[in-house]
Amino acid sequence: MLHHIMASIPHEILAAPENDELKTDQLADWLRQIFGPLFLVIVSIVAIFFLFTREITRFVQFIVLAIGIGVVFYVPNIIETTAKAIAKALGVDIT
């Protein structure tokens, strides 16, 4: 049975990569695709919990924190821009 499954998979998928370089070009996009929706679900559940328990101060603090974290997930190129800014501030040559 395993032989039949392996035989049905296209050769391009099973082929070994041509080089062994670590490719991180799309890492930020991949992380956004995974953690973005999960982040929204968690924020919604926690926000509803704070509203039902009538903890308005903690709710406002949480929403401010969630907006800050949401900016990292949803603003394009913010991760790359921030990393370059930190590297430049530390004196690292990023040419």
C-alpha atoms as a PDB file:
ATOM      1  CA  MET A   1       0.000   0.000   0.000  1.00  0.00           C
ATOM      2  CA  LEU A   2       2.811   2.425   0.875  1.00  0.00           C
ATOM      3  CA  HIS A   3       4.447   1.706  -2.474  1.00  0.00           C
ATOM      4  CA  HIS A   4       1.262   2.741  -4.296  1.00  0.00           C
ATOM      5  CA  ILE A   5       0.999   5.959  -2.321  1.00  0.00           C
ATOM      6  CA  MET A   6       4.647   6.833  -2.969  1.00  0.00           C
ATOM      7  CA  ALA A   7       4.242   6.038  -6.662  1.00  0.00           C
ATOM      8  CA  SER A   8       1.298   8.435  -6.945  1.00  0.00           C
ATOM      9  CA  ILE A   9       3.267  11.404  -5.546  1.00  0.00           C
ATOM     10  CA  PRO A  10       4.756  13.618  -8.301  1.00  0.00           C
ATOM     11  CA  HIS A  11       8.506  13.344  -8.826  1.00  0.00           C
ATOM     12  CA  GLU A  12       9.024  17.079  -8.147  1.00  0.00           C
ATOM     13  CA  ILE A  13       7.835  16.644  -4.592  1.00  0.00           C
ATOM     14  CA  LEU A  14       9.988  13.609  -3.892  1.00  0.00           C
ATOM     15  CA  ALA A  15      13.098  14.980  -5.612  1.00  0.00           C
ATOM     16  CA  ALA A  16      15.973  15.973  -3.350  1.00  0.00           C
ATOM     17  CA  PRO A  17      16.761  19.698  -3.231  1.00  0.00           C
ATOM     18  CA  GLU A  18      19.580  20.838  -5.508  1.00  0.00           C
ATOM     19  CA  ASN A  19      21.365  22.694  -2.740  1.00  0.00           C
ATOM     20  CA  ASP A  20      21.312  22.434   1.025  1.00  0.00           C
ATOM     21  CA  GLU A  21      20.930  26.162   1.712  1.00  0.00           C
ATOM     22  CA  LEU A  22      18.477  27.257   4.355  1.00  0.00           C
ATOM     23  CA  LYS A  23      15.814  29.324   2.629  1.00  0.00           C
ATOM     24  CA  THR A  24      14.284  31.956   4.889  1.00  0.00           C
ATOM     25  CA  ASP A  25      12.835  34.239   2.219  1.00  0.00           C
ATOM     26  CA  GLN A  26       9.233  33.384   2.978  1.00  0.00           C
ATOM     27  CA  LEU A  27       9.632  32.606   6.689  1.00  0.00           C
ATOM     28  CA  ALA A  28       7.821  35.729   7.897  1.00  0.00           C
ATOM     29  CA  ASP A  29       4.901  35.099   5.531  1.00  0.00           C
ATOM     30  CA  TRP A  30       4.690  31.479   6.628  1.00  0.00           C
ATOM     31  CA  LEU A  31       4.657  32.484  10.293  1.00  0.00           C
ATOM     32  CA  ARG A  32       1.948  35.071   9.613  1.00  0.00           C
ATOM     33  CA  GLN A  33      -0.192  32.449   7.884  1.00  0.00           C
ATOM     34  CA  ILE A  34       0.065  30.104  10.854  1.00  0.00           C
ATOM     35  CA  PHE A  35       0.020  32.419  13.851  1.00  0.00           C
ATOM     36  CA  GLY A  36      -2.182  35.213  12.482  1.00  0.00           C
ATOM     37  CA  PRO A  37      -5.527  33.402  12.650  1.00  0.00           C
ATOM     38  CA  LEU A  38      -4.535  31.659  15.878  1.00  0.00           C
ATOM     39  CA  PHE A  39      -3.700  35.056  17.382  1.00  0.00           C
ATOM     40  CA  LEU A  40      -7.122  36.446  16.420  1.00  0.00           C
ATOM     41  CA  VAL A  41      -8.938  33.505  18.006  1.00  0.00           C
ATOM     42  CA  ILE A  42      -6.994  33.813  21.258  1.00  0.00           C
ATOM     43  CA  VAL A  43      -7.511  37.591  21.419  1.00  0.00           C
ATOM     44  CA  SER A  44     -11.242  37.142  20.870  1.00  0.00           C
ATOM     45  CA  ILE A  45     -11.621  34.513  23.578  1.00  0.00           C
ATOM     46  CA  VAL A  46      -9.607  36.475  26.160  1.00  0.00           C
ATOM     47  CA  ALA A  47     -11.411  39.734  25.327  1.00  0.00           C
ATOM     48  CA  ILE A  48     -14.812  38.085  25.748  1.00  0.00           C
ATOM     49  CA  PHE A  49     -13.652  36.614  29.073  1.00  0.00           C
ATOM     50  CA  PHE A  50     -12.595  40.051  30.374  1.00  0.00           C
ATOM     51  CA  LEU A  51     -15.869  41.614  29.267  1.00  0.00           C
ATOM     52  CA  PHE A  52     -17.997  38.921  30.915  1.00  0.00           C
ATOM     53  CA  THR A  53     -16.062  39.183  34.183  1.00  0.00           C
ATOM     54  CA  ARG A  54     -16.383  43.006  34.006  1.00  0.00           C
ATOM     55  CA  GLU A  55     -12.659  43.641  34.321  1.00  0.00           C
ATOM     56  CA  ILE A  56     -12.618  46.716  32.116  1.00  0.00           C
ATOM     57  CA  THR A  57      -9.123  47.896  33.133  1.00  0.00           C
ATOM     58  CA  ARG A  58      -7.553  44.540  32.318  1.00  0.00           C
ATOM     59  CA  PHE A  59      -9.606  44.427  29.102  1.00  0.00           C
ATOM     60  CA  VAL A  60      -8.217  47.794  27.950  1.00  0.00           C
ATOM     61  CA  GLN A  61      -4.654  46.774  28.859  1.00  0.00           C
ATOM     62  CA  PHE A  62      -5.076  43.527  26.954  1.00  0.00           C
ATOM     63  CA  ILE A  63      -6.505  45.239  23.871  1.00  0.00           C
ATOM     64  CA  VAL A  64      -3.586  47.708  23.768  1.00  0.00           C
ATOM     65  CA  LEU A  65      -1.130  44.810  24.011  1.00  0.00           C
ATOM     66  CA  ALA A  66      -3.055  42.836  21.363  1.00  0.00           C
ATOM     67  CA  ILE A  67      -2.977  45.794  18.964  1.00  0.00           C
ATOM     68  CA  GLY A  68       0.794  46.076  19.430  1.00  0.00           C
ATOM     69  CA  ILE A  69       1.292  42.385  18.723  1.00  0.00           C
ATOM     70  CA  GLY A  70      -1.218  42.505  15.853  1.00  0.00           C
ATOM     71  CA  VAL A  71       0.861  45.188  14.145  1.00  0.00           C
ATOM     72  CA  VAL A  72       3.761  42.735  14.003  1.00  0.00           C
ATOM     73  CA  PHE A  73       1.583  40.073  12.377  1.00  0.00           C
ATOM     74  CA  TYR A  74      -0.348  42.170   9.893  1.00  0.00           C
ATOM     75  CA  VAL A  75       1.770  45.169   8.806  1.00  0.00           C
ATOM     76  CA  PRO A  76       3.771  44.210   5.702  1.00  0.00           C
ATOM     77  CA  ASN A  77       7.571  44.168   6.072  1.00  0.00           C
ATOM     78  CA  ILE A  78       7.494  45.320   9.707  1.00  0.00           C
ATOM     79  CA  ILE A  79       9.616  42.366  10.820  1.00  0.00           C
ATOM     80  CA  GLU A  80      12.255  43.000   8.152  1.00  0.00           C
ATOM     81  CA  THR A  81      12.283  46.753   8.792  1.00  0.00           C
ATOM     82  CA  THR A  82      12.578  46.289  12.540  1.00  0.00           C
ATOM     83  CA  ALA A  83      15.380  43.742  12.164  1.00  0.00           C
ATOM     84  CA  LYS A  84      17.332  46.088   9.873  1.00  0.00           C
ATOM     85  CA  ALA A  85      16.819  48.999  12.278  1.00  0.00           C
ATOM     86  CA  ILE A  86      18.055  46.951  15.240  1.00  0.00           C
ATOM     87  CA  ALA A  87      21.068  45.736  13.270  1.00  0.00           C
ATOM     88  CA  LYS A  88      21.912  49.278  12.203  1.00  0.00           C
ATOM     89  CA  ALA A  89      21.551  50.522  15.791  1.00  0.00           C
ATOM     90  CA  LEU A  90      23.958  47.817  16.941  1.00  0.00           C
ATOM     91  CA  GLY A  91      26.452  48.834  14.293  1.00  0.00           C
ATOM     92  CA  VAL A  92      26.118  45.740  12.106  1.00  0.00           C
ATOM     93  CA  ASP A  93      26.844  46.266   8.411  1.00  0.00           C
ATOM     94  CA  ILE A  94      23.740  45.159   6.514  1.00  0.00           C
ATOM     95  CA  THR A  95      24.859  45.720   2.938  1.00  0.00           C
END
